[in-house]
Structure formats: C-alpha cells, structure tokens
C-alpha atoms as a PDB file:
ATOM      1  CA  MET A   1      18.826  10.944  -6.883  1.00  0.00           C
ATOM      2  CA  ASN A   2      15.348  12.395  -6.349  1.00  0.00           C
ATOM      3  CA  SER A   3      13.815   8.928  -6.435  1.00  0.00           C
ATOM      4  CA  PHE A   4      16.308   7.787  -3.778  1.00  0.00           C
ATOM      5  CA  LEU A   5      15.293  10.745  -1.594  1.00  0.00           C
ATOM      6  CA  THR A   6      11.665   9.699  -2.026  1.00  0.00           C
ATOM      7  CA  TYR A   7      12.595   6.118  -1.091  1.00  0.00           C
ATOM      8  CA  MET A   8      14.297   7.283   2.117  1.00  0.00           C
ATOM      9  CA  ASN A   9      11.299   9.422   3.008  1.00  0.00           C
ATOM     10  CA  LEU A  10       9.038   6.419   2.587  1.00  0.00           C
ATOM     11  CA  GLN A  11      11.379   4.458   4.868  1.00  0.00           C
ATOM     12  CA  GLY A  12      10.539   6.938   7.618  1.00  0.00           C
ATOM     13  CA  LEU A  13      14.091   8.301   7.952  1.00  0.00           C
ATOM     14  CA  SER A  14      14.518  11.669   9.646  1.00  0.00           C
ATOM     15  CA  GLU A  15      15.293  14.751   7.578  1.00  0.00           C
ATOM     16  CA  LYS A  16      18.744  14.923   9.170  1.00  0.00           C
ATOM     17  CA  THR A  17      19.546  11.296   8.238  1.00  0.00           C
ATOM     18  CA  ILE A  18      18.298  11.784   4.688  1.00  0.00           C
ATOM     19  CA  ASN A  19      20.464  14.878   4.284  1.00  0.00           C
ATOM     20  CA  GLU A  20      23.505  13.002   5.624  1.00  0.00           C
ATOM     21  CA  HIS A  21      23.010  10.151   3.122  1.00  0.00           C
ATOM     22  CA  SER A  22      22.461  12.641   0.298  1.00  0.00           C
ATOM     23  CA  ARG A  23      25.640  14.570   1.147  1.00  0.00           C
ATOM     24  CA  GLY A  24      27.542  11.310   1.484  1.00  0.00           C
ATOM     25  CA  LEU A  25      26.605  10.171  -2.022  1.00  0.00           C
ATOM     26  CA  SER A  26      27.441  13.587  -3.484  1.00  0.00           C
ATOM     27  CA  LYS A  27      30.895  13.565  -1.896  1.00  0.00           C
ATOM     28  CA  PHE A  28      31.468   9.941  -2.975  1.00  0.00           C
ATOM     29  CA  SER A  29      30.798  10.859  -6.610  1.00  0.00           C
ATOM     30  CA  LYS A  30      32.691  14.147  -6.393  1.00  0.00           C
ATOM     31  CA  ILE A  31      35.938  12.479  -5.301  1.00  0.00           C
ATOM     32  CA  GLY A  32      35.734   9.890  -8.053  1.00  0.00           C
ATOM     33  CA  GLY A  33      33.454   7.153  -6.761  1.00  0.00           C
ATOM     34  CA  ASP A  34      31.044   5.359  -9.079  1.00  0.00           C
ATOM     35  CA  LEU A  35      27.742   4.019  -7.735  1.00  0.00           C
ATOM     36  CA  LYS A  36      27.728   1.406 -10.529  1.00  0.00           C
ATOM     37  CA  TRP A  37      30.841  -0.302  -9.159  1.00  0.00           C
ATOM     38  CA  SER A  38      30.769  -3.757  -7.627  1.00  0.00           C
ATOM     39  CA  GLU A  39      30.848  -4.101  -3.857  1.00  0.00           C
ATOM     40  CA  ASN A  40      34.544  -4.988  -3.848  1.00  0.00           C
ATOM     41  CA  GLU A  41      35.462  -2.059  -6.092  1.00  0.00           C
ATOM     42  CA  THR A  42      33.482   0.249  -3.825  1.00  0.00           C
ATOM     43  CA  ILE A  43      35.172  -1.081  -0.680  1.00  0.00           C
ATOM     44  CA  ASP A  44      38.636  -0.662  -2.211  1.00  0.00           C
ATOM     45  CA  PHE A  45      37.777   2.936  -3.063  1.00  0.00           C
ATOM     46  CA  ILE A  46      36.503   3.630   0.466  1.00  0.00           C
ATOM     47  CA  LYS A  47      39.698   2.214   1.970  1.00  0.00           C
ATOM     48  CA  GLU A  48      41.786   4.514  -0.211  1.00  0.00           C
ATOM     49  CA  ASN A  49      39.764   7.691   0.283  1.00  0.00           C
ATOM     50  CA  TYR A  50      38.089   7.541   3.709  1.00  0.00           C
ATOM     51  CA  ASN A  51      39.709   7.493   7.123  1.00  0.00           C
ATOM     52  CA  GLU A  52      39.410   4.386   9.258  1.00  0.00           C
ATOM     53  CA  GLY A  53      36.578   4.555  11.769  1.00  0.00           C
ATOM     54  CA  SER A  54      33.532   6.795  11.601  1.00  0.00           C
ATOM     55  CA  GLU A  55      34.183   8.098   8.061  1.00  0.00           C
ATOM     56  CA  ARG A  56      34.209   4.570   6.637  1.00  0.00           C
ATOM     57  CA  LYS A  57      31.238   3.576   8.791  1.00  0.00           C
ATOM     58  CA  ILE A  58      29.085   6.453   7.578  1.00  0.00           C
ATOM     59  CA  ILE A  59      29.809   6.090   3.852  1.00  0.00           C
ATOM     60  CA  SER A  60      29.455   2.302   4.005  1.00  0.00           C
ATOM     61  CA  SER A  61      26.023   2.691   5.573  1.00  0.00           C
ATOM     62  CA  THR A  62      25.027   5.158   2.854  1.00  0.00           C
ATOM     63  CA  ILE A  63      26.277   2.963  -0.001  1.00  0.00           C
ATOM     64  CA  SER A  64      24.590  -0.089   1.511  1.00  0.00           C
ATOM     65  CA  LYS A  65      21.264   1.723   1.675  1.00  0.00           C
ATOM     66  CA  TYR A  66      21.630   2.983  -1.894  1.00  0.00           C
ATOM     67  CA  ARG A  67      22.476  -0.472  -3.253  1.00  0.00           C
ATOM     68  CA  HIS A  68      19.495  -1.963  -1.406  1.00  0.00           C
ATOM     69  CA  TYR A  69      17.275   0.695  -2.989  1.00  0.00           C
ATOM     70  CA  LYS A  70      18.677  -0.275  -6.418  1.00  0.00           C
ATOM     71  CA  GLY A  71      18.092  -3.974  -5.765  1.00  0.00           C
ATOM     72  CA  LYS A  72      21.815  -4.774  -5.833  1.00  0.00           C
ATOM     73  CA  THR A  73      23.721  -7.144  -3.562  1.00  0.00           C
ATOM     74  CA  THR A  74      24.746  -5.712  -0.190  1.00  0.00           C
ATOM     75  CA  GLU A  75      26.201  -8.690   1.701  1.00  0.00           C
ATOM     76  CA  THR A  76      29.861  -7.730   1.214  1.00  0.00           C
ATOM     77  CA  ILE A  77      29.385  -4.019   1.879  1.00  0.00           C
ATOM     78  CA  ARG A  78      27.386  -4.848   5.009  1.00  0.00           C
ATOM     79  CA  ASP A  79      30.203  -7.075   6.234  1.00  0.00           C
ATOM     80  CA  PHE A  80      32.564  -4.163   5.659  1.00  0.00           C
ATOM     81  CA  LEU A  81      30.153  -1.878   7.524  1.00  0.00           C
ATOM     82  CA  ARG A  82      30.205  -4.204  10.538  1.00  0.00           C
ATOM     83  CA  LEU A  83      34.006  -4.118  10.498  1.00  0.00           C
ATOM     84  CA  ALA A  84      33.968  -0.307  10.202  1.00  0.00           C
ATOM     85  CA  ASN A  85      31.644  -0.167  13.211  1.00  0.00           C
ATOM     86  CA  VAL A  86      34.092  -2.194  15.267  1.00  0.00           C
ATOM     87  CA  GLU A  87      37.013  -0.033  14.138  1.00  0.00           C
ATOM     88  CA  ALA A  88      35.083   3.155  14.955  1.00  0.00           C
ATOM     89  CA  SER A  89      34.244   1.845  18.437  1.00  0.00           C
ATOM     90  CA  LEU A  90      37.869   0.929  19.120  1.00  0.00           C
ATOM     91  CA  LEU A  91      39.094   4.340  17.954  1.00  0.00           C
ATOM     92  CA  GLN A  92      36.464   6.073  20.079  1.00  0.00           C
ATOM     93  CA  GLN A  93      37.512   4.016  23.090  1.00  0.00           C
ATOM     94  CA  LYS A  94      41.129   5.090  22.594  1.00  0.00           C
ATOM     95  CA  LYS A  95      39.998   8.721  22.465  1.00  0.00           C
ATOM     96  CA  ASN A  96      37.894   8.201  25.571  1.00  0.00           C
ATOM     97  CA  ASP A  97      40.781   6.580  27.446  1.00  0.00           C
ATOM     98  CA  LYS A  98      42.986   9.545  26.610  1.00  0.00           C
ATOM     99  CA  LEU A  99      40.264  11.989  27.612  1.00  0.00           C
ATOM    100  CA  LYS A 100      39.543  10.169  30.864  1.00  0.00           C
ATOM    101  CA  SER A 101      43.147  10.486  31.968  1.00  0.00           C
ATOM    102  CA  ASN A 102      42.949  14.243  31.379  1.00  0.00           C
ATOM    103  CA  LEU A 103      39.448  15.024  32.685  1.00  0.00           C
ATOM    104  CA  PRO A 104      39.413  18.028  34.986  1.00  0.00           C
ATOM    105  CA  ASP A 105      38.583  17.524  38.647  1.00  0.00           C
ATOM    106  CA  ILE A 106      35.783  20.001  39.313  1.00  0.00           C
ATOM    107  CA  ASP A 107      33.115  19.805  42.016  1.00  0.00           C
ATOM    108  CA  PHE A 108      30.067  21.206  40.233  1.00  0.00           C
ATOM    109  CA  LYS A 109      27.885  20.880  43.354  1.00  0.00           C
ATOM    110  CA  GLN A 110      30.282  23.106  45.247  1.00  0.00           C
ATOM    111  CA  MET A 111      30.322  25.527  42.325  1.00  0.00           C
ATOM    112  CA  LEU A 112      26.499  25.587  42.270  1.00  0.00           C
ATOM    113  CA  ASN A 113      26.316  26.322  45.977  1.00  0.00           C
ATOM    114  CA  GLY A 114      28.846  29.108  45.544  1.00  0.00           C
ATOM    115  CA  TYR A 115      26.865  30.769  42.766  1.00  0.00           C
ATOM    116  CA  TYR A 116      23.682  30.639  44.832  1.00  0.00           C
ATOM    117  CA  ARG A 117      25.413  31.926  47.975  1.00  0.00           C
ATOM    118  CA  ASP A 118      26.912  34.836  46.018  1.00  0.00           C
ATOM    119  CA  LYS A 119      23.537  35.594  44.389  1.00  0.00           C
ATOM    120  CA  ASN A 120      25.010  34.946  40.939  1.00  0.00           C
ATOM    121  CA  TYR A 121      21.649  33.574  39.906  1.00  0.00           C
ATOM    122  CA  LYS A 122      22.153  33.421  36.145  1.00  0.00           C
ATOM    123  CA  SER A 123      25.285  31.271  36.500  1.00  0.00           C
ATOM    124  CA  PHE A 124      23.484  29.145  39.082  1.00  0.00           C
ATOM    125  CA  VAL A 125      20.558  28.411  36.766  1.00  0.00           C
ATOM    126  CA  ILE A 126      22.790  27.724  33.749  1.00  0.00           C
ATOM    127  CA  LEU A 127      24.956  25.296  35.715  1.00  0.00           C
ATOM    128  CA  TYR A 128      21.889  23.692  37.305  1.00  0.00           C
ATOM    129  CA  LEU A 129      20.416  22.918  33.883  1.00  0.00           C
ATOM    130  CA  LEU A 130      23.761  21.672  32.548  1.00  0.00           C
ATOM    131  CA  THR A 131      24.261  19.258  35.447  1.00  0.00           C
ATOM    132  CA  ASN A 132      20.671  18.110  35.948  1.00  0.00           C
ATOM    133  CA  TYR A 133      19.330  18.115  32.384  1.00  0.00           C
ATOM    134  CA  ASN A 134      22.518  17.424  30.396  1.00  0.00           C
ATOM    135  CA  THR A 135      21.894  20.324  28.063  1.00  0.00           C
ATOM    136  CA  ARG A 136      23.791  21.486  25.017  1.00  0.00           C
ATOM    137  CA  ASN A 137      24.626  25.147  24.545  1.00  0.00           C
ATOM    138  CA  LYS A 138      21.595  25.917  22.395  1.00  0.00           C
ATOM    139  CA  ASP A 139      19.212  24.580  25.049  1.00  0.00           C
ATOM    140  CA  LEU A 140      20.373  27.395  27.328  1.00  0.00           C
ATOM    141  CA  VAL A 141      19.174  30.200  25.083  1.00  0.00           C
ATOM    142  CA  VAL A 142      16.145  30.622  27.310  1.00  0.00           C
ATOM    143  CA  LYS A 143      13.560  33.266  28.154  1.00  0.00           C
ATOM    144  CA  VAL A 144      12.092  33.452  31.660  1.00  0.00           C
ATOM    145  CA  VAL A 145       8.325  34.096  31.687  1.00  0.00           C
ATOM    146  CA  LYS A 146       5.537  34.193  34.231  1.00  0.00           C
ATOM    147  CA  ASN A 147       2.611  34.223  31.832  1.00  0.00           C
ATOM    148  CA  GLU A 148       1.809  31.142  29.778  1.00  0.00           C
ATOM    149  CA  SER A 149       0.587  33.386  26.967  1.00  0.00           C
ATOM    150  CA  ASP A 150       4.213  34.480  26.452  1.00  0.00           C
ATOM    151  CA  ILE A 151       5.259  30.956  25.456  1.00  0.00           C
ATOM    152  CA  ASN A 152       5.608  30.087  21.772  1.00  0.00           C
ATOM    153  CA  PRO A 153       6.533  26.785  20.041  1.00  0.00           C
ATOM    154  CA  ASN A 154       9.821  28.033  18.594  1.00  0.00           C
ATOM    155  CA  GLU A 155      11.911  29.101  21.606  1.00  0.00           C
ATOM    156  CA  ASN A 156      13.081  27.785  24.966  1.00  0.00           C
ATOM    157  CA  PHE A 157      11.518  28.951  28.222  1.00  0.00           C
ATOM    158  CA  LEU A 158      11.595  28.746  31.983  1.00  0.00           C
ATOM    159  CA  PHE A 159       7.947  29.197  32.892  1.00  0.00           C
ATOM    160  CA  ILE A 160       7.498  30.225  36.525  1.00  0.00           C
ATOM    161  CA  ARG A 161       4.353  28.853  38.159  1.00  0.00           C
ATOM    162  CA  ASP A 162       3.128  29.262  41.736  1.00  0.00           C
ATOM    163  CA  LYS A 163       5.391  26.621  43.285  1.00  0.00           C
ATOM    164  CA  ASP A 164       7.606  25.280  40.516  1.00  0.00           C
ATOM    165  CA  VAL A 165       9.220  26.009  37.168  1.00  0.00           C
ATOM    166  CA  ILE A 166       8.649  24.294  33.816  1.00  0.00           C
ATOM    167  CA  TYR A 167      11.720  24.040  31.595  1.00  0.00           C
ATOM    168  CA  ILE A 168      10.450  24.051  28.011  1.00  0.00           C
ATOM    169  CA  ARG A 169      12.756  23.199  25.113  1.00  0.00           C
ATOM    170  CA  ASN A 170      11.432  23.915  21.642  1.00  0.00           C
ATOM    171  CA  ASP A 171      14.746  24.814  20.031  1.00  0.00           C
ATOM    172  CA  TYR A 172      17.498  22.222  20.491  1.00  0.00           C
ATOM    173  CA  LYS A 173      19.686  20.016  18.328  1.00  0.00           C
ATOM    174  CA  THR A 174      17.509  16.876  18.095  1.00  0.00           C
ATOM    175  CA  LYS A 175      14.086  18.524  18.237  1.00  0.00           C
ATOM    176  CA  ASN A 176      13.024  16.964  14.923  1.00  0.00           C
ATOM    177  CA  ARG A 177      13.551  13.483  16.340  1.00  0.00           C
ATOM    178  CA  TYR A 178      12.396  13.879  19.946  1.00  0.00           C
ATOM    179  CA  GLY A 179       9.943  16.769  19.792  1.00  0.00           C
ATOM    180  CA  SER A 180       9.490  19.485  22.399  1.00  0.00           C
ATOM    181  CA  LYS A 181      10.661  18.747  25.932  1.00  0.00           C
ATOM    182  CA  ARG A 182       8.941  19.887  29.128  1.00  0.00           C
ATOM    183  CA  ASP A 183      10.445  19.250  32.559  1.00  0.00           C
ATOM    184  CA  VAL A 184       8.844  20.306  35.835  1.00  0.00           C
ATOM    185  CA  ILE A 185      11.533  21.536  38.248  1.00  0.00           C
ATOM    186  CA  LYS A 186      10.630  21.683  41.948  1.00  0.00           C
ATOM    187  CA  SER A 187      13.999  22.875  43.298  1.00  0.00           C
ATOM    188  CA  LYS A 188      13.402  25.766  45.726  1.00  0.00           C
ATOM    189  CA  LYS A 189      16.805  27.245  44.934  1.00  0.00           C
ATOM    190  CA  LEU A 190      16.154  27.258  41.205  1.00  0.00           C
ATOM    191  CA  PHE A 191      12.640  28.630  41.808  1.00  0.00           C
ATOM    192  CA  ASN A 192      14.093  31.495  43.832  1.00  0.00           C
ATOM    193  CA  ALA A 193      16.918  32.131  41.337  1.00  0.00           C
ATOM    194  CA  VAL A 194      14.776  32.404  38.195  1.00  0.00           C
ATOM    195  CA  GLN A 195      12.616  35.052  39.861  1.00  0.00           C
ATOM    196  CA  GLU A 196      15.593  37.377  39.430  1.00  0.00           C
ATOM    197  CA  LEU A 197      16.140  36.667  35.721  1.00  0.00           C
ATOM    198  CA  ASP A 198      14.569  37.415  32.374  1.00  0.00           C
ATOM    199  CA  SER A 199      16.849  35.196  30.228  1.00  0.00           C
ATOM    200  CA  LEU A 200      19.941  32.952  30.231  1.00  0.00           C
ATOM    201  CA  LEU A 201      22.464  32.776  27.355  1.00  0.00           C
ATOM    202  CA  GLU A 202      22.524  35.418  24.641  1.00  0.00           C
ATOM    203  CA  ASN A 203      21.778  33.926  21.236  1.00  0.00           C
ATOM    204  CA  ASN A 204      25.012  34.699  19.387  1.00  0.00           C
ATOM    205  CA  ASN A 205      28.151  33.002  18.075  1.00  0.00           C
ATOM    206  CA  ASN A 206      29.733  32.925  21.545  1.00  0.00           C
ATOM    207  CA  LEU A 207      27.537  30.311  23.222  1.00  0.00           C
ATOM    208  CA  ASP A 208      30.529  28.102  23.970  1.00  0.00           C
ATOM    209  CA  ARG A 209      32.404  30.975  25.560  1.00  0.00           C
ATOM    210  CA  GLN A 210      29.359  31.902  27.662  1.00  0.00           C
ATOM    211  CA  VAL A 211      29.052  28.331  28.949  1.00  0.00           C
ATOM    212  CA  LYS A 212      32.760  28.046  29.745  1.00  0.00           C
ATOM    213  CA  ALA A 213      32.535  31.254  31.774  1.00  0.00           C
ATOM    214  CA  VAL A 214      30.063  29.444  34.046  1.00  0.00           C
ATOM    215  CA  THR A 215      31.656  25.976  34.194  1.00  0.00           C
ATOM    216  CA  GLY A 216      35.243  26.957  34.887  1.00  0.00           C
ATOM    217  CA  GLY A 217      36.394  26.576  31.279  1.00  0.00           C
ATOM    218  CA  ILE A 218      34.707  23.228  30.555  1.00  0.00           C
ATOM    219  CA  ASN A 219      32.629  22.922  27.371  1.00  0.00           C
ATOM    220  CA  GLN A 220      29.253  21.181  27.490  1.00  0.00           C
ATOM    221  CA  SER A 221      30.450  18.064  25.628  1.00  0.00           C
ATOM    222  CA  THR A 222      33.328  17.413  28.047  1.00  0.00           C
ATOM    223  CA  MET A 223      31.040  18.190  30.953  1.00  0.00           C
ATOM    224  CA  PHE A 224      28.575  15.592  29.709  1.00  0.00           C
ATOM    225  CA  LYS A 225      31.379  13.029  29.491  1.00  0.00           C
ATOM    226  CA  MET A 226      32.323  13.833  33.081  1.00  0.00           C
ATOM    227  CA  LEU A 227      28.758  13.408  34.294  1.00  0.00           C
ATOM    228  CA  VAL A 228      28.355  10.092  32.456  1.00  0.00           C
ATOM    229  CA  ALA A 229      31.644   8.863  33.915  1.00  0.00           C
ATOM    230  CA  GLN A 230      30.510   9.779  37.426  1.00  0.00           C
ATOM    231  CA  ASN A 231      27.115   8.092  37.030  1.00  0.00           C
ATOM    232  CA  ASN A 232      27.936   5.134  34.814  1.00  0.00           C
ATOM    233  CA  ASN A 233      24.954   2.800  35.052  1.00  0.00           C
ATOM    234  CA  LEU A 234      22.030   1.928  32.802  1.00  0.00           C
ATOM    235  CA  LYS A 235      19.478   3.947  34.778  1.00  0.00           C
ATOM    236  CA  CYS A 236      21.561   7.128  34.727  1.00  0.00           C
ATOM    237  CA  ILE A 237      22.498   6.764  31.062  1.00  0.00           C
ATOM    238  CA  ALA A 238      18.821   6.232  30.171  1.00  0.00           C
ATOM    239  CA  LYS A 239      17.986   9.433  32.075  1.00  0.00           C
ATOM    240  CA  ALA A 240      20.797  11.315  30.309  1.00  0.00           C
ATOM    241  CA  SER A 241      19.523  10.008  26.966  1.00  0.00           C
ATOM    242  CA  LYS A 242      16.055  11.380  27.666  1.00  0.00           C
ATOM    243  CA  ASN A 243      17.351  14.674  29.057  1.00  0.00           C
ATOM    244  CA  ARG A 244      19.746  15.403  26.213  1.00  0.00           C
ATOM    245  CA  GLY A 245      17.773  13.944  23.336  1.00  0.00           C
ATOM    246  CA  THR A 246      20.572  11.537  22.448  1.00  0.00           C
ATOM    247  CA  ASN A 247      20.271   7.860  21.548  1.00  0.00           C
ATOM    248  CA  MET A 248      21.671   5.554  24.267  1.00  0.00           C
ATOM    249  CA  ASN A 249      23.917   3.833  21.718  1.00  0.00           C
ATOM    250  CA  THR A 250      25.392   7.223  20.839  1.00  0.00           C
ATOM    251  CA  ILE A 251      26.105   7.903  24.495  1.00  0.00           C
ATOM    252  CA  ALA A 252      27.722   4.493  24.857  1.00  0.00           C
ATOM    253  CA  SER A 253      29.976   4.940  21.831  1.00  0.00           C
ATOM    254  CA  SER A 254      30.771   8.643  22.056  1.00  0.00           C
ATOM    255  CA  TYR A 255      30.424   9.673  25.700  1.00  0.00           C
ATOM    256  CA  ASP A 256      30.902   6.604  27.889  1.00  0.00           C
ATOM    257  CA  ILE A 257      34.517   6.896  29.003  1.00  0.00           C
ATOM    258  CA  THR A 258      34.661   4.240  31.722  1.00  0.00           C
END
C-alpha cells in the first residue's frame, strides 16, 4: 500500500484525494473485496456491496487507479466507471429536482438591507459574505483587524484599510487545492459595518446554527443552491467556483438545480 501512496504522490494528486483512495481500498478489503480479482469479479462485488450512484463511482475510480498502478487491464472497470458517473448524475438530478420544488422563497437583498437599517452589523456582514462570496460556514470564522501586522497565514480576516476591506481566507475547506484567497471589498455599507465588529462566527461546533440564525433557517449549502439557481449561467458559475473554491464540474453536478 505504501508504494501505491508514493505512486499517487508522484502523480501530483492532492492529499485529500490520496486519502480518499486509501480509505476506499481499505474499506473494499475490509468488506471482503480482493484486489487480485479480475475486472468482472470486482464489478460484480461492487454491484452487490455499493449503492448505485456516487458510491459506485468513487470506488470504481479508486480500483481503476490501483489496477493501472499495478499494470493490470482497466478497460472494463473504466467502462463501468463511466456508467456509474451517468447513474450518479441522474440520481443527483432527481435530488435537485426535488429540492428545487421545495426551495424557500427568501429575498436576501431585503434581509441585508434590514440588518443594515437595524444596525445589526454582524448579521449584515455574515449575510453579505454568504451571498457575494458563496462562503461555507468555516470561511465565516473571521477576525476583524486594522493592522496588517495582526494577520497570520492560518486564520481568516477582514482587514480594514483606509477606503476598503480585504477579505482574507486562510482557513477553509479547499485551501490545500486553491491556496489562500484575498478579495478586495469596496462596498461602503460593508466598510461601515465592519468598523463596529471584532469578529464574525464563533469557532465551535454550532457553526451551522449560527449561520441559520442569520439566513432565516437556511444552511449554507442550500443557500448556495438557491444562488446558483438564480444566476444560472457560465459567467456566474465560474465566479461562484472561484469564490467558493469548488470545481465547476462539482457545481454542475451537485449544486446546479435548473
């Protein structure tokens, strides 16, 4: 197994992807799979032990990569992987169709204006970042600073300058793939609001609850689906991909509900 890990490292795969493949092989063996099986034997086992859709897609990809590393044939397993991809997309579309019919009807712009009018500045800033930068919960664990010397490479910050604010993300889900993010925000309302704050979300196990308290009970994932649905074009999805640190194909398969 160690040599396979070395092989994946040399292929330039991310640490997260390598860990996923490693866990996949461990589970495959643990539930009775044998990596020495033929492609057809392996596929029969996957059909019996893995749910249709993403589960089959993920393990098929892992087995295909392992067999390629071992110099074994992969044509049949890759055909099965293509089929699993199609099945996963169809299942996701069904989920999206169901979700779309039940999406809440909330005017976030009106909510933003209300927070600002009522001087509820923390909620205003949180909702502003959610709607304009497509953040996840963790991205909103933020410190507000006025001195650049207070910034470190491990946390998230809103750095107040003379006329604007820099939103710095050093701690978010896909940091290892996309690196640190820095966005210059010129909104006068946000500039005024952050002057009154020293932080946003508290870093605890209740991040989801804290976000829902601001959004009217909507979690960040559903909110992102709503925003994608409302702005469903290539330019907007590309922007959302950059903002969130999510591959465009992932957005298309998991978040695009139109």
